[in-house]
Every structure is written in C-alpha cells, then in structure tokens.
Amino acid sequence: MRFEWDENKAESNFLKHGITFEEAVTVFADPYLLFTEDSKHSEQEEREWAIGEAENGSMMVIVFTMRGEQIRIISARKATKRERKRYEE
C-alpha cells in the first residue's frame, strides 16, 4: 500500500490529536481492520473511515480517501469507547 498526505494537515492533526500520520498508516496492517463510508463530511470526494489497532497498540480512527492507487490520509485520532466497541463486535 502507498500512502500520501498534506504535510500541513499532518502537523495540525498531530497538534490536535497527538497522532502522526506515520503512526496512523500502521493501522492498515491490522488484519481485523473495520471500514465504513463517511458520507457526512465531504460532497467533493468519497471518504472512508478505518478503525483498527496501530502498531503501538492504540486503537485509532483514520479518515482517508483513495487517490488512484494511493491512500490519502485526511485525519487520525484515538477511537472513542463506542468505536472500540464496534470494532470488537
């Protein structure tokens, strides 16, 4: 898998959520990764959420879009209790 992101967005995401996009992409190696569409936040592009466990063991939600063959990371944050429960079901 190939990943890309906007460096300014990556920096603002780290300041807001304390998660780097480099950490976030490790979620995509989770064999139990859960995907869902995110139709609420963008009418211009198709966005998806991925909920899974990162390499460091923390549960994260990653918002992304596909750009050709690349996954473009939009945001990354810790999963809420509700999201963790959904992942575990």
C-alpha atoms as a PDB file:
ATOM      1  CA  MET A   1       0.000   0.000   0.000  1.00  0.00           C
ATOM      2  CA  ARG A   2       1.119   3.516  -0.756  1.00  0.00           C
ATOM      3  CA  PHE A   3       0.143   6.497   1.363  1.00  0.00           C
ATOM      4  CA  GLU A   4       0.162  10.252   0.919  1.00  0.00           C
ATOM      5  CA  TRP A   5      -0.958  13.272   2.909  1.00  0.00           C
ATOM      6  CA  ASP A   6      -0.708  17.023   3.133  1.00  0.00           C
ATOM      7  CA  GLU A   7       2.173  17.962   5.460  1.00  0.00           C
ATOM      8  CA  ASN A   8       0.305  20.979   6.893  1.00  0.00           C
ATOM      9  CA  LYS A   9      -2.693  18.781   7.673  1.00  0.00           C
ATOM     10  CA  ALA A  10      -0.401  16.176   9.244  1.00  0.00           C
ATOM     11  CA  GLU A  11       1.090  18.820  11.529  1.00  0.00           C
ATOM     12  CA  SER A  12      -2.299  20.221  12.568  1.00  0.00           C
ATOM     13  CA  ASN A  13      -3.567  16.677  13.184  1.00  0.00           C
ATOM     14  CA  PHE A  14      -0.595  15.988  15.468  1.00  0.00           C
ATOM     15  CA  LEU A  15      -1.189  19.214  17.397  1.00  0.00           C
ATOM     16  CA  LYS A  16      -4.900  18.426  17.804  1.00  0.00           C
ATOM     17  CA  HIS A  17      -4.823  14.646  18.380  1.00  0.00           C
ATOM     18  CA  GLY A  18      -1.215  13.774  19.230  1.00  0.00           C
ATOM     19  CA  ILE A  19      -1.001  11.224  16.412  1.00  0.00           C
ATOM     20  CA  THR A  20       1.379  11.389  13.467  1.00  0.00           C
ATOM     21  CA  PHE A  21       0.258  10.177  10.074  1.00  0.00           C
ATOM     22  CA  GLU A  22       3.309   7.882  10.090  1.00  0.00           C
ATOM     23  CA  GLU A  23       1.799   6.156  13.156  1.00  0.00           C
ATOM     24  CA  ALA A  24      -1.660   6.211  11.599  1.00  0.00           C
ATOM     25  CA  VAL A  25      -0.736   4.240   8.485  1.00  0.00           C
ATOM     26  CA  THR A  26       0.259   1.255  10.654  1.00  0.00           C
ATOM     27  CA  VAL A  27      -3.476   0.723  11.295  1.00  0.00           C
ATOM     28  CA  PHE A  28      -3.781  -0.609   7.744  1.00  0.00           C
ATOM     29  CA  ALA A  29      -1.722  -3.682   8.747  1.00  0.00           C
ATOM     30  CA  ASP A  30      -4.400  -4.712  11.280  1.00  0.00           C
ATOM     31  CA  PRO A  31      -5.981  -7.961   9.987  1.00  0.00           C
ATOM     32  CA  TYR A  32      -9.282  -7.036  11.700  1.00  0.00           C
ATOM     33  CA  LEU A  33      -9.443  -3.503  10.289  1.00  0.00           C
ATOM     34  CA  LEU A  34     -13.010  -2.221  10.039  1.00  0.00           C
ATOM     35  CA  PHE A  35     -14.025   0.071   7.169  1.00  0.00           C
ATOM     36  CA  THR A  36     -17.039   2.340   6.872  1.00  0.00           C
ATOM     37  CA  GLU A  37     -18.043   5.114   4.463  1.00  0.00           C
ATOM     38  CA  ASP A  38     -18.036   8.739   5.599  1.00  0.00           C
ATOM     39  CA  SER A  39     -20.682  10.492   3.520  1.00  0.00           C
ATOM     40  CA  LYS A  40     -21.297  13.306   6.031  1.00  0.00           C
ATOM     41  CA  HIS A  41     -18.033  15.216   5.725  1.00  0.00           C
ATOM     42  CA  SER A  42     -17.395  15.667   2.022  1.00  0.00           C
ATOM     43  CA  GLU A  43     -19.510  16.037  -1.067  1.00  0.00           C
ATOM     44  CA  GLN A  44     -16.440  16.541  -3.257  1.00  0.00           C
ATOM     45  CA  GLU A  45     -14.719  13.196  -2.696  1.00  0.00           C
ATOM     46  CA  GLU A  46     -15.568   9.752  -1.375  1.00  0.00           C
ATOM     47  CA  ARG A  47     -14.184   9.376   2.141  1.00  0.00           C
ATOM     48  CA  GLU A  48     -13.890   6.313   4.325  1.00  0.00           C
ATOM     49  CA  TRP A  49     -13.095   5.585   7.952  1.00  0.00           C
ATOM     50  CA  ALA A  50     -10.842   2.787   9.094  1.00  0.00           C
ATOM     51  CA  ILE A  51     -10.997   1.647  12.722  1.00  0.00           C
ATOM     52  CA  GLY A  52      -8.187  -0.565  13.897  1.00  0.00           C
ATOM     53  CA  GLU A  53      -5.210  -1.194  16.104  1.00  0.00           C
ATOM     54  CA  ALA A  54      -1.982   0.636  15.314  1.00  0.00           C
ATOM     55  CA  GLU A  55       1.475  -0.885  15.594  1.00  0.00           C
ATOM     56  CA  ASN A  56       1.880   0.719  19.047  1.00  0.00           C
ATOM     57  CA  GLY A  57      -1.302  -0.995  20.306  1.00  0.00           C
ATOM     58  CA  SER A  58      -3.576   2.033  20.379  1.00  0.00           C
ATOM     59  CA  MET A  59      -6.993   1.904  18.734  1.00  0.00           C
ATOM     60  CA  MET A  60      -7.352   4.608  16.066  1.00  0.00           C
ATOM     61  CA  VAL A  61      -9.841   6.001  13.593  1.00  0.00           C
ATOM     62  CA  ILE A  62      -8.325   7.051  10.286  1.00  0.00           C
ATOM     63  CA  VAL A  63     -10.273   9.133   7.761  1.00  0.00           C
ATOM     64  CA  PHE A  64      -8.948   8.697   4.230  1.00  0.00           C
ATOM     65  CA  THR A  65      -9.771   8.784   0.558  1.00  0.00           C
ATOM     66  CA  MET A  66      -8.417   6.823  -2.377  1.00  0.00           C
ATOM     67  CA  ARG A  67      -6.404   8.773  -4.944  1.00  0.00           C
ATOM     68  CA  GLY A  68      -5.758   6.315  -7.709  1.00  0.00           C
ATOM     69  CA  GLU A  69      -3.594   3.604  -6.155  1.00  0.00           C
ATOM     70  CA  GLN A  70      -2.699   5.687  -3.091  1.00  0.00           C
ATOM     71  CA  ILE A  71      -4.457   6.080   0.228  1.00  0.00           C
ATOM     72  CA  ARG A  72      -4.607   9.776   1.146  1.00  0.00           C
ATOM     73  CA  ILE A  73      -4.775  10.252   4.915  1.00  0.00           C
ATOM     74  CA  ILE A  74      -7.094  13.086   5.963  1.00  0.00           C
ATOM     75  CA  SER A  75      -7.121  12.700   9.750  1.00  0.00           C
ATOM     76  CA  ALA A  76      -6.242  10.302  12.551  1.00  0.00           C
ATOM     77  CA  ARG A  77      -7.365  10.185  16.163  1.00  0.00           C
ATOM     78  CA  LYS A  78      -7.861   7.807  19.064  1.00  0.00           C
ATOM     79  CA  ALA A  79     -11.034   5.737  18.830  1.00  0.00           C
ATOM     80  CA  THR A  80     -13.887   6.533  21.204  1.00  0.00           C
ATOM     81  CA  LYS A  81     -15.357   3.872  23.516  1.00  0.00           C
ATOM     82  CA  ARG A  82     -18.244   3.448  21.105  1.00  0.00           C
ATOM     83  CA  GLU A  83     -15.889   2.981  18.149  1.00  0.00           C
ATOM     84  CA  ARG A  84     -13.744   0.478  20.063  1.00  0.00           C
ATOM     85  CA  LYS A  85     -16.886  -1.491  20.935  1.00  0.00           C
ATOM     86  CA  ARG A  86     -17.954  -1.520  17.285  1.00  0.00           C
ATOM     87  CA  TYR A  87     -14.507  -2.793  16.291  1.00  0.00           C
ATOM     88  CA  GLU A  88     -14.664  -5.576  18.885  1.00  0.00           C
ATOM     89  CA  GLU A  89     -18.116  -6.857  17.817  1.00  0.00           C
END
